[in-house]
PDB file of all heavy atoms in Angstrom:
ATOM      1  N   ARG A   1      10.616 -14.029   9.924  1.00  0.00           N
ATOM      2  CA  ARG A   1       9.359 -14.029   9.244  1.00  0.00           C
ATOM      3  C   ARG A   1       8.303 -13.099   9.772  1.00  0.00           C
ATOM      4  O   ARG A   1       7.748 -12.307   9.075  1.00  0.00           O
ATOM      5  CB  ARG A   1       8.675 -15.441   9.380  1.00  0.00           C
ATOM      6  CG  ARG A   1       7.303 -15.504   8.747  1.00  0.00           C
ATOM      7  CD  ARG A   1       7.296 -15.120   7.227  1.00  0.00           C
ATOM      8  NE  ARG A   1       8.270 -15.876   6.438  1.00  0.00           N
ATOM      9  CZ  ARG A   1       8.552 -15.742   5.245  1.00  0.00           C
ATOM     10  NH1 ARG A   1       8.038 -14.555   4.492  1.00  0.00           N
ATOM     11  NH2 ARG A   1       9.494 -16.294   4.509  1.00  0.00           N
ATOM     12  N   ASP A   2       8.326 -12.852  11.173  1.00  0.00           N
ATOM     13  CA  ASP A   2       7.481 -11.873  11.857  1.00  0.00           C
ATOM     14  C   ASP A   2       7.955 -10.436  11.340  1.00  0.00           C
ATOM     15  O   ASP A   2       7.071  -9.656  11.020  1.00  0.00           O
ATOM     16  CB  ASP A   2       7.465 -11.917  13.329  1.00  0.00           C
ATOM     17  CG  ASP A   2       6.811 -13.185  13.785  1.00  0.00           C
ATOM     18  OD1 ASP A   2       5.942 -13.771  13.136  1.00  0.00           O
ATOM     19  OD2 ASP A   2       7.118 -13.627  15.025  1.00  0.00           O
ATOM     20  N   VAL A   3       9.183 -10.221  11.345  1.00  0.00           N
ATOM     21  CA  VAL A   3       9.809  -8.898  10.967  1.00  0.00           C
ATOM     22  C   VAL A   3       9.477  -8.601   9.617  1.00  0.00           C
ATOM     23  O   VAL A   3       9.027  -7.543   9.149  1.00  0.00           O
ATOM     24  CB  VAL A   3      11.287  -8.811  11.334  1.00  0.00           C
ATOM     25  CG1 VAL A   3      11.788  -7.588  10.699  1.00  0.00           C
ATOM     26  CG2 VAL A   3      11.549  -8.928  12.825  1.00  0.00           C
ATOM     27  N   GLU A   4       9.733  -9.713   8.612  1.00  0.00           N
ATOM     28  CA  GLU A   4       9.600  -9.408   7.153  1.00  0.00           C
ATOM     29  C   GLU A   4       8.009  -9.107   6.982  1.00  0.00           C
ATOM     30  O   GLU A   4       7.758  -8.185   6.160  1.00  0.00           O
ATOM     31  CB  GLU A   4       9.903 -10.749   6.465  1.00  0.00           C
ATOM     32  CG  GLU A   4       9.804 -10.585   4.890  1.00  0.00           C
ATOM     33  CD  GLU A   4      10.395 -11.786   4.211  1.00  0.00           C
ATOM     34  OE1 GLU A   4      11.488 -12.193   4.459  1.00  0.00           O
ATOM     35  OE2 GLU A   4       9.641 -12.301   3.510  1.00  0.00           O
ATOM     36  N   ASP A   5       7.126  -9.913   7.599  1.00  0.00           N
ATOM     37  CA  ASP A   5       5.745  -9.613   7.399  1.00  0.00           C
ATOM     38  C   ASP A   5       5.238  -8.313   7.949  1.00  0.00           C
ATOM     39  O   ASP A   5       4.420  -7.548   7.318  1.00  0.00           O
ATOM     40  CB  ASP A   5       4.917 -10.734   7.981  1.00  0.00           C
ATOM     41  CG  ASP A   5       5.085 -11.989   7.216  1.00  0.00           C
ATOM     42  OD1 ASP A   5       5.610 -11.986   6.035  1.00  0.00           O
ATOM     43  OD2 ASP A   5       4.623 -13.103   7.667  1.00  0.00           O
ATOM     44  N   GLU A   6       5.726  -7.935   9.151  1.00  0.00           N
ATOM     45  CA  GLU A   6       5.235  -6.767   9.827  1.00  0.00           C
ATOM     46  C   GLU A   6       5.942  -5.553   9.526  1.00  0.00           C
ATOM     47  O   GLU A   6       5.242  -4.430   9.421  1.00  0.00           O
ATOM     48  CB  GLU A   6       5.254  -7.059  11.402  1.00  0.00           C
ATOM     49  CG  GLU A   6       4.124  -7.882  11.927  1.00  0.00           C
ATOM     50  CD  GLU A   6       2.782  -7.242  11.779  1.00  0.00           C
ATOM     51  OE1 GLU A   6       2.646  -6.033  12.001  1.00  0.00           O
ATOM     52  OE2 GLU A   6       1.837  -7.931  11.259  1.00  0.00           O
ATOM     53  N   GLU A   7       7.166  -5.452   9.374  1.00  0.00           N
ATOM     54  CA  GLU A   7       8.016  -4.318   9.396  1.00  0.00           C
ATOM     55  C   GLU A   7       8.460  -3.875   8.017  1.00  0.00           C
ATOM     56  O   GLU A   7       8.779  -2.630   7.860  1.00  0.00           O
ATOM     57  CB  GLU A   7       9.080  -4.231  10.425  1.00  0.00           C
ATOM     58  CG  GLU A   7       8.609  -4.472  11.795  1.00  0.00           C
ATOM     59  CD  GLU A   7       9.729  -4.539  12.830  1.00  0.00           C
ATOM     60  OE1 GLU A   7      10.917  -4.136  12.385  1.00  0.00           O
ATOM     61  OE2 GLU A   7       9.608  -4.887  13.953  1.00  0.00           O
ATOM     62  N   LEU A   8       8.639  -4.946   7.142  1.00  0.00           N
ATOM     63  CA  LEU A   8       9.421  -4.555   5.946  1.00  0.00           C
ATOM     64  C   LEU A   8       8.482  -4.637   4.690  1.00  0.00           C
ATOM     65  O   LEU A   8       9.084  -4.199   3.480  1.00  0.00           O
ATOM     66  CB  LEU A   8      10.549  -5.550   5.725  1.00  0.00           C
ATOM     67  CG  LEU A   8      11.506  -5.646   6.999  1.00  0.00           C
ATOM     68  CD1 LEU A   8      12.537  -6.566   6.567  1.00  0.00           C
ATOM     69  CD2 LEU A   8      12.102  -4.272   7.265  1.00  0.00           C
ATOM     70  N   THR A   9       7.179  -4.991   4.784  1.00  0.00           N
ATOM     71  CA  THR A   9       6.443  -4.995   3.475  1.00  0.00           C
ATOM     72  C   THR A   9       5.330  -3.960   3.468  1.00  0.00           C
ATOM     73  O   THR A   9       4.654  -3.864   2.410  1.00  0.00           O
ATOM     74  CB  THR A   9       5.752  -6.377   3.423  1.00  0.00           C
ATOM     75  OG1 THR A   9       4.999  -6.702   4.594  1.00  0.00           O
ATOM     76  CG2 THR A   9       6.928  -7.447   3.234  1.00  0.00           C
ATOM     77  N   ARG A  10       5.103  -3.194   4.565  1.00  0.00           N
ATOM     78  CA  ARG A  10       4.016  -2.193   4.742  1.00  0.00           C
ATOM     79  C   ARG A  10       4.541  -0.869   4.762  1.00  0.00           C
ATOM     80  O   ARG A  10       5.440  -0.467   5.465  1.00  0.00           O
ATOM     81  CB  ARG A  10       3.277  -2.524   6.040  1.00  0.00           C
ATOM     82  CG  ARG A  10       1.693  -2.329   5.818  1.00  0.00           C
ATOM     83  CD  ARG A  10       0.941  -2.858   7.061  1.00  0.00           C
ATOM     84  NE  ARG A  10       1.457  -2.506   8.220  1.00  0.00           N
ATOM     85  CZ  ARG A  10       0.821  -1.752   9.182  1.00  0.00           C
ATOM     86  NH1 ARG A  10      -0.402  -1.241   8.843  1.00  0.00           N
ATOM     87  NH2 ARG A  10       1.281  -1.393  10.314  1.00  0.00           N
ATOM     88  N   ILE A  11       4.022  -0.031   3.694  1.00  0.00           N
ATOM     89  CA  ILE A  11       4.481   1.389   3.696  1.00  0.00           C
ATOM     90  C   ILE A  11       3.368   2.305   3.978  1.00  0.00           C
ATOM     91  O   ILE A  11       2.229   1.878   3.999  1.00  0.00           O
ATOM     92  CB  ILE A  11       5.016   1.781   2.320  1.00  0.00           C
ATOM     93  CG1 ILE A  11       4.004   1.773   1.167  1.00  0.00           C
ATOM     94  CG2 ILE A  11       6.204   0.792   1.926  1.00  0.00           C
ATOM     95  CD1 ILE A  11       4.407   2.349  -0.162  1.00  0.00           C
ATOM     96  N   PHE A  12       3.628   3.505   4.460  1.00  0.00           N
ATOM     97  CA  PHE A  12       2.779   4.526   4.979  1.00  0.00           C
ATOM     98  C   PHE A  12       2.881   5.635   4.000  1.00  0.00           C
ATOM     99  O   PHE A  12       4.014   6.167   3.799  1.00  0.00           O
ATOM    100  CB  PHE A  12       3.050   4.825   6.345  1.00  0.00           C
ATOM    101  CG  PHE A  12       1.977   5.697   7.074  1.00  0.00           C
ATOM    102  CD1 PHE A  12       0.779   5.179   7.422  1.00  0.00           C
ATOM    103  CD2 PHE A  12       2.352   6.981   7.352  1.00  0.00           C
ATOM    104  CE1 PHE A  12      -0.159   5.861   8.145  1.00  0.00           C
ATOM    105  CE2 PHE A  12       1.301   7.796   8.190  1.00  0.00           C
ATOM    106  CZ  PHE A  12       0.159   7.144   8.536  1.00  0.00           C
ATOM    107  N   VAL A  13       1.776   6.167   3.525  1.00  0.00           N
ATOM    108  CA  VAL A  13       1.795   7.211   2.454  1.00  0.00           C
ATOM    109  C   VAL A  13       0.830   8.357   2.803  1.00  0.00           C
ATOM    110  O   VAL A  13      -0.202   8.113   3.346  1.00  0.00           O
ATOM    111  CB  VAL A  13       1.591   6.714   1.029  1.00  0.00           C
ATOM    112  CG1 VAL A  13       2.629   5.824   0.642  1.00  0.00           C
ATOM    113  CG2 VAL A  13       0.253   5.843   0.934  1.00  0.00           C
ATOM    114  N   MET A  14       1.233   9.582   2.262  1.00  0.00           N
ATOM    115  CA  MET A  14       0.268  10.648   2.294  1.00  0.00           C
ATOM    116  C   MET A  14      -0.349  10.861   0.944  1.00  0.00           C
ATOM    117  O   MET A  14       0.286  10.867  -0.088  1.00  0.00           O
ATOM    118  CB  MET A  14       1.075  11.966   2.548  1.00  0.00           C
ATOM    119  CG  MET A  14       0.154  13.255   2.897  1.00  0.00           C
ATOM    120  SD  MET A  14       1.234  14.698   3.333  1.00  0.00           S
ATOM    121  CE  MET A  14       1.800  14.213   5.001  1.00  0.00           C
ATOM    122  N   ILE A  15      -1.651  10.904   0.899  1.00  0.00           N
ATOM    123  CA  ILE A  15      -2.495  10.839  -0.323  1.00  0.00           C
ATOM    124  C   ILE A  15      -3.497  11.985  -0.402  1.00  0.00           C
ATOM    125  O   ILE A  15      -3.907  12.455   0.761  1.00  0.00           O
ATOM    126  CB  ILE A  15      -3.141   9.510  -0.615  1.00  0.00           C
ATOM    127  CG1 ILE A  15      -4.062   9.165   0.624  1.00  0.00           C
ATOM    128  CG2 ILE A  15      -2.034   8.404  -0.810  1.00  0.00           C
ATOM    129  CD1 ILE A  15      -4.763   7.791   0.586  1.00  0.00           C
ATOM    130  N   PRO A  16      -4.002  12.280  -1.523  1.00  0.00           N
ATOM    131  CA  PRO A  16      -5.206  13.275  -1.612  1.00  0.00           C
ATOM    132  C   PRO A  16      -6.390  12.669  -0.908  1.00  0.00           C
ATOM    133  O   PRO A  16      -6.645  11.405  -0.920  1.00  0.00           O
ATOM    134  CB  PRO A  16      -5.449  13.317  -3.069  1.00  0.00           C
ATOM    135  CG  PRO A  16      -4.140  12.942  -3.701  1.00  0.00           C
ATOM    136  CD  PRO A  16      -3.608  12.035  -2.862  1.00  0.00           C
ATOM    137  N   LYS A  17      -7.171  13.498  -0.211  1.00  0.00           N
ATOM    138  CA  LYS A  17      -8.335  12.857   0.509  1.00  0.00           C
ATOM    139  C   LYS A  17      -9.388  12.312  -0.410  1.00  0.00           C
ATOM    140  O   LYS A  17     -10.339  11.653  -0.005  1.00  0.00           O
ATOM    141  CB  LYS A  17      -8.874  14.056   1.358  1.00  0.00           C
ATOM    142  CG  LYS A  17      -8.011  14.347   2.475  1.00  0.00           C
ATOM    143  CD  LYS A  17      -8.647  15.355   3.462  1.00  0.00           C
ATOM    144  CE  LYS A  17      -7.768  15.685   4.579  1.00  0.00           C
ATOM    145  NZ  LYS A  17      -8.366  16.646   5.546  1.00  0.00           N
ATOM    146  N   SER A  18      -9.278  12.666  -1.744  1.00  0.00           N
ATOM    147  CA  SER A  18     -10.244  12.084  -2.596  1.00  0.00           C
ATOM    148  C   SER A  18     -10.019  10.607  -3.105  1.00  0.00           C
ATOM    149  O   SER A  18     -10.783   9.976  -3.685  1.00  0.00           O
ATOM    150  CB  SER A  18     -10.347  13.075  -3.873  1.00  0.00           C
ATOM    151  OG  SER A  18      -9.008  12.930  -4.470  1.00  0.00           O
ATOM    152  N   TYR A  19      -8.743  10.175  -2.655  1.00  0.00           N
ATOM    153  CA  TYR A  19      -8.319   8.863  -3.188  1.00  0.00           C
ATOM    154  C   TYR A  19      -9.217   7.734  -2.444  1.00  0.00           C
ATOM    155  O   TYR A  19      -9.591   7.723  -1.346  1.00  0.00           O
ATOM    156  CB  TYR A  19      -6.882   8.532  -2.717  1.00  0.00           C
ATOM    157  CG  TYR A  19      -5.862   8.997  -3.892  1.00  0.00           C
ATOM    158  CD1 TYR A  19      -6.048   9.934  -4.585  1.00  0.00           C
ATOM    159  CD2 TYR A  19      -4.576   8.076  -3.905  1.00  0.00           C
ATOM    160  CE1 TYR A  19      -5.141  10.288  -5.623  1.00  0.00           C
ATOM    161  CE2 TYR A  19      -3.712   8.604  -4.894  1.00  0.00           C
ATOM    162  CZ  TYR A  19      -3.929   9.507  -5.682  1.00  0.00           C
ATOM    163  OH  TYR A  19      -3.011   9.909  -6.545  1.00  0.00           O
ATOM    164  N   THR A  20      -9.649   6.748  -3.373  1.00  0.00           N
ATOM    165  CA  THR A  20     -10.185   5.571  -2.963  1.00  0.00           C
ATOM    166  C   THR A  20      -9.129   4.477  -2.713  1.00  0.00           C
ATOM    167  O   THR A  20      -7.978   4.743  -3.155  1.00  0.00           O
ATOM    168  CB  THR A  20     -11.297   4.908  -3.796  1.00  0.00           C
ATOM    169  OG1 THR A  20     -10.804   4.659  -4.983  1.00  0.00           O
ATOM    170  CG2 THR A  20     -12.346   6.128  -4.097  1.00  0.00           C
ATOM    171  N   GLU A  21      -9.436   3.393  -2.143  1.00  0.00           N
ATOM    172  CA  GLU A  21      -8.418   2.185  -1.975  1.00  0.00           C
ATOM    173  C   GLU A  21      -8.094   1.694  -3.410  1.00  0.00           C
ATOM    174  O   GLU A  21      -6.930   1.399  -3.602  1.00  0.00           O
ATOM    175  CB  GLU A  21      -9.044   1.127  -1.237  1.00  0.00           C
ATOM    176  CG  GLU A  21      -9.287   1.460   0.260  1.00  0.00           C
ATOM    177  CD  GLU A  21      -9.712   0.292   1.086  1.00  0.00           C
ATOM    178  OE1 GLU A  21      -9.937  -0.779   0.544  1.00  0.00           O
ATOM    179  OE2 GLU A  21      -9.809   0.594   2.439  1.00  0.00           O
ATOM    180  N   GLU A  22      -9.102   1.774  -4.402  1.00  0.00           N
ATOM    181  CA  GLU A  22      -8.650   1.429  -5.731  1.00  0.00           C
ATOM    182  C   GLU A  22      -7.684   2.356  -6.534  1.00  0.00           C
ATOM    183  O   GLU A  22      -6.711   1.946  -7.088  1.00  0.00           O
ATOM    184  CB  GLU A  22     -10.010   1.357  -6.522  1.00  0.00           C
ATOM    185  CG  GLU A  22      -9.772   0.502  -7.914  1.00  0.00           C
ATOM    186  CD  GLU A  22      -9.092  -0.757  -7.817  1.00  0.00           C
ATOM    187  OE1 GLU A  22      -9.600  -1.488  -6.967  1.00  0.00           O
ATOM    188  OE2 GLU A  22      -8.282  -1.002  -8.764  1.00  0.00           O
ATOM    189  N   ASP A  23      -7.864   3.662  -6.171  1.00  0.00           N
ATOM    190  CA  ASP A  23      -6.947   4.662  -6.601  1.00  0.00           C
ATOM    191  C   ASP A  23      -5.481   4.395  -5.993  1.00  0.00           C
ATOM    192  O   ASP A  23      -4.511   4.478  -6.820  1.00  0.00           O
ATOM    193  CB  ASP A  23      -7.384   6.092  -6.194  1.00  0.00           C
ATOM    194  CG  ASP A  23      -8.659   6.573  -6.986  1.00  0.00           C
ATOM    195  OD1 ASP A  23      -8.912   6.030  -8.093  1.00  0.00           O
ATOM    196  OD2 ASP A  23      -9.547   7.285  -6.342  1.00  0.00           O
ATOM    197  N   LEU A  24      -5.486   4.050  -4.785  1.00  0.00           N
ATOM    198  CA  LEU A  24      -4.192   3.822  -4.120  1.00  0.00           C
ATOM    199  C   LEU A  24      -3.508   2.582  -4.716  1.00  0.00           C
ATOM    200  O   LEU A  24      -2.264   2.766  -5.023  1.00  0.00           O
ATOM    201  CB  LEU A  24      -4.531   3.705  -2.647  1.00  0.00           C
ATOM    202  CG  LEU A  24      -3.302   3.577  -1.624  1.00  0.00           C
ATOM    203  CD1 LEU A  24      -2.275   4.850  -1.883  1.00  0.00           C
ATOM    204  CD2 LEU A  24      -3.695   3.378  -0.260  1.00  0.00           C
ATOM    205  N   ARG A  25      -4.285   1.507  -4.878  1.00  0.00           N
ATOM    206  CA  ARG A  25      -3.778   0.425  -5.426  1.00  0.00           C
ATOM    207  C   ARG A  25      -3.159   0.608  -6.845  1.00  0.00           C
ATOM    208  O   ARG A  25      -2.116   0.105  -7.297  1.00  0.00           O
ATOM    209  CB  ARG A  25      -4.778  -0.775  -5.558  1.00  0.00           C
ATOM    210  CG  ARG A  25      -4.450  -2.095  -6.175  1.00  0.00           C
ATOM    211  CD  ARG A  25      -5.472  -3.062  -6.098  1.00  0.00           C
ATOM    212  NE  ARG A  25      -5.825  -3.461  -4.779  1.00  0.00           N
ATOM    213  CZ  ARG A  25      -5.268  -4.459  -4.296  1.00  0.00           C
ATOM    214  NH1 ARG A  25      -4.275  -5.143  -4.679  1.00  0.00           N
ATOM    215  NH2 ARG A  25      -5.678  -4.731  -2.942  1.00  0.00           N
ATOM    216  N   GLU A  26      -3.885   1.420  -7.704  1.00  0.00           N
ATOM    217  CA  GLU A  26      -3.640   1.756  -9.095  1.00  0.00           C
ATOM    218  C   GLU A  26      -2.236   2.420  -9.045  1.00  0.00           C
ATOM    219  O   GLU A  26      -1.438   2.320 -10.120  1.00  0.00           O
ATOM    220  CB  GLU A  26      -4.737   2.531  -9.680  1.00  0.00           C
ATOM    221  CG  GLU A  26      -4.540   2.739 -11.254  1.00  0.00           C
ATOM    222  CD  GLU A  26      -4.642   1.477 -11.961  1.00  0.00           C
ATOM    223  OE1 GLU A  26      -5.317   0.510 -11.550  1.00  0.00           O
ATOM    224  OE2 GLU A  26      -4.039   1.382 -13.036  1.00  0.00           O
ATOM    225  N   LYS A  27      -2.007   3.374  -8.109  1.00  0.00           N
ATOM    226  CA  LYS A  27      -0.810   4.188  -8.219  1.00  0.00           C
ATOM    227  C   LYS A  27       0.386   3.404  -7.794  1.00  0.00           C
ATOM    228  O   LYS A  27       1.495   3.700  -8.168  1.00  0.00           O
ATOM    229  CB  LYS A  27      -0.958   5.468  -7.297  1.00  0.00           C
ATOM    230  CG  LYS A  27      -2.110   6.457  -7.676  1.00  0.00           C
ATOM    231  CD  LYS A  27      -1.465   7.231  -8.950  1.00  0.00           C
ATOM    232  CE  LYS A  27      -2.519   8.266  -9.334  1.00  0.00           C
ATOM    233  NZ  LYS A  27      -1.977   8.985 -10.637  1.00  0.00           N
ATOM    234  N   PHE A  28       0.226   2.454  -6.886  1.00  0.00           N
ATOM    235  CA  PHE A  28       1.364   1.676  -6.356  1.00  0.00           C
ATOM    236  C   PHE A  28       1.653   0.290  -6.822  1.00  0.00           C
ATOM    237  O   PHE A  28       2.555  -0.353  -6.442  1.00  0.00           O
ATOM    238  CB  PHE A  28       1.321   1.607  -4.949  1.00  0.00           C
ATOM    239  CG  PHE A  28       1.616   3.039  -4.155  1.00  0.00           C
ATOM    240  CD1 PHE A  28       0.683   4.054  -4.103  1.00  0.00           C
ATOM    241  CD2 PHE A  28       2.978   3.368  -3.830  1.00  0.00           C
ATOM    242  CE1 PHE A  28       1.082   5.246  -3.543  1.00  0.00           C
ATOM    243  CE2 PHE A  28       3.317   4.496  -3.293  1.00  0.00           C
ATOM    244  CZ  PHE A  28       2.381   5.487  -3.142  1.00  0.00           C
ATOM    245  N   LYS A  29       0.642  -0.253  -7.748  1.00  0.00           N
ATOM    246  CA  LYS A  29       0.798  -1.517  -8.245  1.00  0.00           C
ATOM    247  C   LYS A  29       1.950  -1.820  -9.118  1.00  0.00           C
ATOM    248  O   LYS A  29       2.488  -2.951  -9.349  1.00  0.00           O
ATOM    249  CB  LYS A  29      -0.427  -2.085  -8.896  1.00  0.00           C
ATOM    250  CG  LYS A  29      -0.795  -1.437 -10.299  1.00  0.00           C
ATOM    251  CD  LYS A  29      -1.934  -2.007 -10.951  1.00  0.00           C
ATOM    252  CE  LYS A  29      -2.340  -1.361 -12.274  1.00  0.00           C
ATOM    253  NZ  LYS A  29      -3.562  -1.812 -12.826  1.00  0.00           N
ATOM    254  N   MET A  30       2.453  -0.723  -9.631  1.00  0.00           N
ATOM    255  CA  MET A  30       3.656  -0.758 -10.629  1.00  0.00           C
ATOM    256  C   MET A  30       4.926  -1.233  -9.932  1.00  0.00           C
ATOM    257  O   MET A  30       5.850  -1.693 -10.562  1.00  0.00           O
ATOM    258  CB  MET A  30       3.819   0.447 -11.337  1.00  0.00           C
ATOM    259  CG  MET A  30       4.409   1.631 -10.440  1.00  0.00           C
ATOM    260  SD  MET A  30       4.715   3.192 -11.382  1.00  0.00           S
ATOM    261  CE  MET A  30       3.044   3.700 -11.664  1.00  0.00           C
ATOM    262  N   TYR A  31       5.009  -1.141  -8.631  1.00  0.00           N
ATOM    263  CA  TYR A  31       6.252  -1.503  -7.856  1.00  0.00           C
ATOM    264  C   TYR A  31       6.274  -2.862  -7.396  1.00  0.00           C
ATOM    265  O   TYR A  31       7.267  -3.283  -6.911  1.00  0.00           O
ATOM    266  CB  TYR A  31       6.346  -0.471  -6.698  1.00  0.00           C
ATOM    267  CG  TYR A  31       6.284   1.014  -7.094  1.00  0.00           C
ATOM    268  CD1 TYR A  31       5.232   1.780  -6.681  1.00  0.00           C
ATOM    269  CD2 TYR A  31       7.196   1.590  -8.126  1.00  0.00           C
ATOM    270  CE1 TYR A  31       5.162   3.025  -7.131  1.00  0.00           C
ATOM    271  CE2 TYR A  31       7.208   2.814  -8.406  1.00  0.00           C
ATOM    272  CZ  TYR A  31       6.085   3.716  -7.928  1.00  0.00           C
ATOM    273  OH  TYR A  31       6.055   4.918  -8.416  1.00  0.00           O
ATOM    274  N   GLY A  32       5.197  -3.672  -7.449  1.00  0.00           N
ATOM    275  CA  GLY A  32       5.135  -5.011  -6.950  1.00  0.00           C
ATOM    276  C   GLY A  32       3.689  -5.412  -6.730  1.00  0.00           C
ATOM    277  O   GLY A  32       2.729  -4.754  -6.969  1.00  0.00           O
ATOM    278  N   ASP A  33       3.724  -6.762  -6.226  1.00  0.00           N
ATOM    279  CA  ASP A  33       2.500  -7.346  -5.980  1.00  0.00           C
ATOM    280  C   ASP A  33       1.822  -6.946  -4.698  1.00  0.00           C
ATOM    281  O   ASP A  33       2.411  -7.034  -3.594  1.00  0.00           O
ATOM    282  CB  ASP A  33       2.577  -8.904  -5.905  1.00  0.00           C
ATOM    283  CG  ASP A  33       3.098  -9.456  -7.196  1.00  0.00           C
ATOM    284  OD1 ASP A  33       2.569  -9.034  -8.215  1.00  0.00           O
ATOM    285  OD2 ASP A  33       4.101 -10.251  -7.168  1.00  0.00           O
ATOM    286  N   ILE A  34       0.652  -6.236  -4.593  1.00  0.00           N
ATOM    287  CA  ILE A  34       0.060  -5.650  -3.419  1.00  0.00           C
ATOM    288  C   ILE A  34      -0.794  -6.630  -2.793  1.00  0.00           C
ATOM    289  O   ILE A  34      -1.667  -7.290  -3.347  1.00  0.00           O
ATOM    290  CB  ILE A  34      -0.695  -4.369  -3.795  1.00  0.00           C
ATOM    291  CG1 ILE A  34       0.189  -3.295  -4.329  1.00  0.00           C
ATOM    292  CG2 ILE A  34      -1.491  -3.873  -2.688  1.00  0.00           C
ATOM    293  CD1 ILE A  34      -0.368  -2.070  -4.792  1.00  0.00           C
ATOM    294  N   GLU A  35      -0.609  -6.845  -1.427  1.00  0.00           N
ATOM    295  CA  GLU A  35      -1.547  -7.750  -0.670  1.00  0.00           C
ATOM    296  C   GLU A  35      -2.787  -7.031  -0.321  1.00  0.00           C
ATOM    297  O   GLU A  35      -3.832  -7.630  -0.452  1.00  0.00           O
ATOM    298  CB  GLU A  35      -0.747  -8.278   0.582  1.00  0.00           C
ATOM    299  CG  GLU A  35      -1.564  -9.307   1.230  1.00  0.00           C
ATOM    300  CD  GLU A  35      -0.765  -9.907   2.449  1.00  0.00           C
ATOM    301  OE1 GLU A  35       0.464  -9.917   2.361  1.00  0.00           O
ATOM    302  OE2 GLU A  35      -1.445 -10.321   3.425  1.00  0.00           O
ATOM    303  N   TYR A  36      -2.665  -5.789   0.213  1.00  0.00           N
ATOM    304  CA  TYR A  36      -3.911  -4.979   0.453  1.00  0.00           C
ATOM    305  C   TYR A  36      -3.428  -3.508   0.583  1.00  0.00           C
ATOM    306  O   TYR A  36      -2.362  -3.146   0.741  1.00  0.00           O
ATOM    307  CB  TYR A  36      -4.507  -5.447   1.693  1.00  0.00           C
ATOM    308  CG  TYR A  36      -3.852  -5.177   2.993  1.00  0.00           C
ATOM    309  CD1 TYR A  36      -3.810  -3.912   3.417  1.00  0.00           C
ATOM    310  CD2 TYR A  36      -3.151  -6.187   3.632  1.00  0.00           C
ATOM    311  CE1 TYR A  36      -3.106  -3.645   4.732  1.00  0.00           C
ATOM    312  CE2 TYR A  36      -2.441  -5.899   4.849  1.00  0.00           C
ATOM    313  CZ  TYR A  36      -2.395  -4.619   5.403  1.00  0.00           C
ATOM    314  OH  TYR A  36      -1.751  -4.356   6.467  1.00  0.00           O
ATOM    315  N   CYS A  37      -4.627  -2.642   0.361  1.00  0.00           N
ATOM    316  CA  CYS A  37      -4.215  -1.210   0.539  1.00  0.00           C
ATOM    317  C   CYS A  37      -5.439  -0.806   1.555  1.00  0.00           C
ATOM    318  O   CYS A  37      -6.571  -1.428   1.550  1.00  0.00           O
ATOM    319  CB  CYS A  37      -4.626  -0.343  -0.686  1.00  0.00           C
ATOM    320  SG  CYS A  37      -3.308  -0.740  -1.996  1.00  0.00           S
ATOM    321  N   SER A  38      -5.250   0.135   2.302  1.00  0.00           N
ATOM    322  CA  SER A  38      -6.234   0.631   3.279  1.00  0.00           C
ATOM    323  C   SER A  38      -6.034   2.177   3.451  1.00  0.00           C
ATOM    324  O   SER A  38      -4.932   2.633   3.481  1.00  0.00           O
ATOM    325  CB  SER A  38      -6.156  -0.102   4.615  1.00  0.00           C
ATOM    326  OG  SER A  38      -4.849   0.136   5.195  1.00  0.00           O
ATOM    327  N   ILE A  39      -7.062   2.921   3.521  1.00  0.00           N
ATOM    328  CA  ILE A  39      -7.087   4.336   3.745  1.00  0.00           C
ATOM    329  C   ILE A  39      -7.498   4.647   5.157  1.00  0.00           C
ATOM    330  O   ILE A  39      -8.601   4.067   5.701  1.00  0.00           O
ATOM    331  CB  ILE A  39      -8.004   5.075   2.789  1.00  0.00           C
ATOM    332  CG1 ILE A  39      -7.383   4.844   1.333  1.00  0.00           C
ATOM    333  CG2 ILE A  39      -8.254   6.461   3.157  1.00  0.00           C
ATOM    334  CD1 ILE A  39      -8.302   5.400   0.181  1.00  0.00           C
TER     335      ILE A  39
END
């Protein structure tokens, strides 16, 4: 459970500096249910 939560569900991405967290969520929500986004 620790591994699934920590290592396999969080991705790291390179984005335009103009992106907000809402922009990030909008771009990646099509792939699944997002728990949170952070910049």
